[in-house]
Amino acid sequence: MKIDDLRADRGDRDDLDDFIPRTPAKRGGNNLVMQVAAGVFLGGLALWLVQLGATALYAKLMLGTITFGG
């Protein structure tokens, strides 16, 4: 059994006549890249500031210049 015509029957009207193509949506790929880059930069800056504060506190403790109480 051989079937030569495999296309579906559309009936009386052609639906493609009413087809209006949409304008392609603007992709936010560049915006996502900028957000990831800003997050990595700000995260690195925050870690650097925490490390700087911890190092300064450790240095003060080692030098004994922090007094607890009066």
Protein backbone atom coordinates (compact mmCIF):
# COMPACT_ATOMS: atom_id res chain seq x y z
CA MET A 1 0.00 0.00 0.00
CA LYS A 2 1.60 3.23 -1.18
CA ILE A 3 0.38 6.69 -0.09
CA ASP A 4 1.61 9.46 -2.37
CA ASP A 5 -0.20 12.43 -0.78
CA LEU A 6 0.53 12.76 2.94
CA ARG A 7 -0.62 16.37 3.29
CA ALA A 8 -3.59 17.10 5.53
CA ASP A 9 -6.80 18.32 3.93
CA ARG A 10 -7.41 21.95 4.89
CA GLY A 11 -11.01 21.99 3.83
CA ASP A 12 -12.63 25.02 2.21
CA ARG A 13 -10.39 27.80 3.45
CA ASP A 14 -6.69 28.36 3.57
CA ASP A 15 -5.62 29.29 7.12
CA LEU A 16 -2.34 30.72 5.91
CA ASP A 17 -4.17 33.61 4.24
CA ASP A 18 -5.04 35.06 7.66
CA PHE A 19 -1.56 34.53 9.09
CA ILE A 20 0.11 37.74 10.30
CA PRO A 21 3.74 37.17 11.28
CA ARG A 22 4.78 38.55 14.64
CA THR A 23 7.75 40.81 14.97
CA PRO A 24 10.60 38.89 16.56
CA ALA A 25 10.89 39.49 20.29
CA LYS A 26 13.97 41.33 21.46
CA ARG A 27 16.18 38.88 23.25
CA GLY A 28 17.59 39.87 26.61
CA GLY A 29 20.83 37.94 26.25
CA ASN A 30 23.06 40.99 26.46
CA ASN A 31 21.23 42.21 29.55
CA LEU A 32 21.72 38.83 31.24
CA VAL A 33 25.44 38.91 30.44
CA MET A 34 25.73 42.36 32.01
CA GLN A 35 23.84 41.23 35.12
CA VAL A 36 26.09 38.21 35.58
CA ALA A 37 29.22 40.32 35.05
CA ALA A 38 28.02 42.93 37.56
CA GLY A 39 27.19 40.19 40.07
CA VAL A 40 30.61 38.61 39.75
CA PHE A 41 32.31 41.99 40.10
CA LEU A 42 30.27 43.10 43.12
CA GLY A 43 30.64 39.70 44.77
CA GLY A 44 34.40 39.84 44.35
CA LEU A 45 34.48 43.37 45.72
CA ALA A 46 32.43 42.33 48.76
CA LEU A 47 34.71 39.35 49.43
CA TRP A 48 37.77 41.57 49.13
CA LEU A 49 36.33 44.07 51.63
CA VAL A 50 35.49 41.30 54.11
CA GLN A 51 38.99 39.89 53.77
CA LEU A 52 40.47 43.36 54.29
CA GLY A 53 38.41 43.88 57.45
CA ALA A 54 39.27 40.44 58.81
CA THR A 55 42.97 41.01 58.15
CA ALA A 56 42.88 44.38 59.88
CA LEU A 57 41.07 42.89 62.89
CA TYR A 58 43.54 40.01 63.06
CA ALA A 59 46.47 42.42 62.91
CA LYS A 60 45.03 44.48 65.75
CA LEU A 61 44.51 41.35 67.83
CA MET A 62 48.07 40.17 67.19
CA LEU A 63 49.48 43.57 68.14
CA GLY A 64 47.31 43.72 71.24
CA THR A 65 45.99 47.17 70.47
CA ILE A 66 42.35 46.15 71.04
CA THR A 67 41.23 46.61 74.61
CA PHE A 68 38.15 44.79 75.85
CA GLY A 69 36.37 46.72 78.55
CA GLY A 70 37.74 49.70 80.47
